[in-house]
Protein backbone atom coordinates (compact mmCIF):
# COMPACT_ATOMS: atom_id res chain seq x y z
CA MET A 1 -6.86 -13.19 -4.47
CA GLY A 2 -4.49 -10.28 -3.84
CA VAL A 3 -7.23 -8.14 -1.90
CA GLY A 4 -7.80 -11.37 0.38
CA VAL A 5 -4.07 -12.02 1.14
CA ALA A 6 -3.54 -8.12 1.89
CA ALA A 7 -6.65 -8.50 4.18
CA PHE A 8 -5.13 -11.23 5.80
CA LEU A 9 -1.72 -10.00 5.96
CA ASP A 10 -3.28 -6.59 7.75
CA GLU A 11 -5.38 -8.75 10.07
CA THR A 12 -3.08 -11.12 11.20
CA VAL A 13 -0.11 -8.99 11.73
CA PHE A 14 -1.26 -5.58 12.73
CA HIS A 15 -4.48 -6.90 14.33
CA GLN A 16 -3.82 -9.94 15.95
CA LEU A 17 0.02 -9.90 16.49
CA LEU A 18 0.99 -6.79 17.13
CA HIS A 19 -1.91 -5.51 18.90
CA TRP A 20 -1.77 -1.58 16.66
CA HIS A 21 -5.45 -1.61 16.29
CA HIS A 22 -8.90 -3.34 14.87
CA PHE A 23 -10.68 -2.47 11.88
CA TYR A 24 -13.25 -0.15 13.80
CA ASP A 25 -11.45 1.49 16.72
CA LYS A 26 -14.26 4.20 17.51
CA SER A 27 -15.98 2.23 19.82
CA THR A 28 -15.25 -0.47 22.37
CA PRO A 29 -12.47 -3.30 22.90
CA ALA A 30 -15.20 -5.83 22.07
CA VAL A 31 -16.57 -3.65 19.04
CA GLY A 32 -13.05 -3.94 17.67
CA LEU A 33 -12.87 -7.81 17.98
CA VAL A 34 -15.96 -8.24 16.12
CA SER A 35 -15.27 -5.70 13.47
CA ASP A 36 -11.60 -7.29 13.10
CA GLY A 37 -13.83 -11.01 13.08
CA LEU A 38 -16.19 -9.61 10.15
CA PHE A 39 -12.63 -8.25 8.32
CA HIS A 40 -11.04 -11.60 8.66
CA ALA A 41 -14.14 -13.15 7.03
CA PHE A 42 -14.33 -10.67 4.05
CA GLY A 43 -10.30 -11.64 3.28
CA TRP A 44 -11.13 -15.30 3.21
CA ALA A 45 -14.13 -14.98 1.29
CA ALA A 46 -12.13 -12.61 -0.93
CA VAL A 47 -9.16 -15.54 -1.44
CA VAL A 48 -11.85 -18.22 -1.97
CA ILE A 49 -13.37 -15.94 -4.65
CA GLY A 50 -9.99 -14.97 -5.93
CA LEU A 51 -8.89 -18.86 -6.50
CA VAL A 52 -12.54 -20.24 -8.27
CA TRP A 53 -11.61 -17.04 -10.72
CA VAL A 54 -7.87 -18.50 -11.09
CA ALA A 55 -9.54 -21.77 -11.41
CA VAL A 56 -12.05 -20.97 -14.32
CA LEU A 57 -9.40 -18.61 -15.82
CA ARG A 58 -6.70 -21.61 -15.85
CA ARG A 59 -9.08 -23.90 -18.07
CA PRO A 60 -8.58 -21.85 -21.11
CA ALA A 61 -5.46 -21.65 -20.33
CA ALA A 62 -5.96 -17.50 -20.28
CA LEU A 63 -4.18 -17.31 -16.75
CA PHE A 64 -0.62 -18.07 -15.93
CA GLY A 65 2.44 -17.85 -13.95
CA ARG A 66 3.30 -13.93 -14.36
CA ALA A 67 -0.28 -12.41 -15.14
CA LEU A 68 -1.52 -14.67 -11.91
CA VAL A 69 1.51 -12.77 -10.14
CA ALA A 70 1.05 -9.58 -11.42
CA GLY A 71 -3.23 -9.59 -10.44
CA ILE A 72 -2.28 -10.77 -7.05
CA LEU A 73 0.50 -8.10 -6.57
CA LEU A 74 -2.38 -5.34 -8.12
CA GLY A 75 -5.30 -6.50 -5.75
CA THR A 76 -2.80 -6.15 -2.71
CA GLY A 77 -1.46 -2.70 -3.96
CA GLY A 78 -4.88 -1.30 -4.72
CA PHE A 79 -5.94 -2.85 -1.32
CA GLN A 80 -3.26 -1.76 1.00
CA LEU A 81 -3.52 2.24 -1.17
CA TYR A 82 -7.39 1.94 -0.38
CA ASP A 83 -7.03 1.25 3.34
CA GLY A 84 -4.19 3.51 4.18
CA THR A 85 -5.85 6.65 2.32
CA VAL A 86 -9.60 6.14 2.49
CA GLN A 87 -9.97 3.71 5.71
CA HIS A 88 -6.94 5.60 7.32
CA LYS A 89 -7.08 9.35 6.26
CA VAL A 90 -10.57 9.76 4.77
CA LEU A 91 -12.85 7.43 6.69
CA HIS A 92 -10.62 8.01 10.02
CA LEU A 93 -11.52 3.96 10.72
CA HIS A 94 -8.24 3.15 12.52
CA GLN A 95 -4.77 4.42 12.18
CA ILE A 96 -1.76 1.98 11.85
CA ARG A 97 -0.87 2.95 14.96
CA TYR A 98 -1.33 5.42 17.56
CA HIS A 99 0.58 7.51 20.30
CA VAL A 100 3.13 7.22 17.64
CA ALA A 101 4.41 9.68 15.10
CA LEU A 102 2.27 8.75 12.19
CA LEU A 103 4.13 9.53 8.85
CA PRO A 104 6.63 7.26 8.70
CA TYR A 105 3.78 4.84 8.97
CA ASP A 106 1.65 6.03 6.34
CA LEU A 107 4.73 6.57 4.55
CA THR A 108 5.38 3.46 4.64
CA TRP A 109 2.43 1.92 4.35
CA ASN A 110 1.52 3.75 1.37
CA LEU A 111 5.03 3.84 -0.46
CA LEU A 112 4.82 -0.18 -0.44
CA ALA A 113 0.92 -0.43 -1.73
CA VAL A 114 2.26 1.88 -4.87
CA LEU A 115 5.82 -0.34 -5.07
CA ALA A 116 3.25 -3.33 -5.03
CA LEU A 117 0.67 -1.47 -8.01
CA ILE A 118 3.88 -0.98 -9.80
CA ILE A 119 5.64 -4.18 -9.96
CA GLY A 120 2.11 -5.93 -10.20
CA GLY A 121 1.12 -3.13 -13.58
CA VAL A 122 4.98 -4.46 -15.01
CA LEU A 123 4.30 -7.85 -15.07
CA LEU A 124 0.84 -7.70 -16.42
CA VAL A 125 2.68 -5.97 -19.14
CA ARG A 126 4.67 -8.19 -19.55
CA ALA A 127 2.50 -11.03 -19.15
CA ARG A 128 0.09 -9.61 -21.68
CA GLY A 129 4.05 -9.22 -24.28
CA VAL A 130 4.32 -13.11 -23.91
CA SER A 131 0.76 -14.28 -24.54
CA ARG A 132 0.71 -12.19 -27.72
CA SER A 133 3.97 -13.43 -29.04
């Protein structure tokens, strides 16, 4: 679910509301819009698949509050870090913004991703400790 949540927030805020970039910016605006639509569909599919997994894991009580939040944060942080490093810097599919100094945006984007990963990891360790007691 975290991957889908991150994709949904990225698409909604940065692509649609702020118009900072498209998923794929190396072509025409029409291609950018199509790529955004595909990205949006991917995000929703990830959320639906995540919800199915949550339903399956909740049945045997294998997933509860803290572990669920940990999983969402780990998925969100992992996706954001992948996006900020691989898609932005390695593949150059798009940047966060154009015609501005990128360093503050890149640092903020990736540091928030790492923060989500750290918080998710701490919550997961604590959730495992609770389930073993």
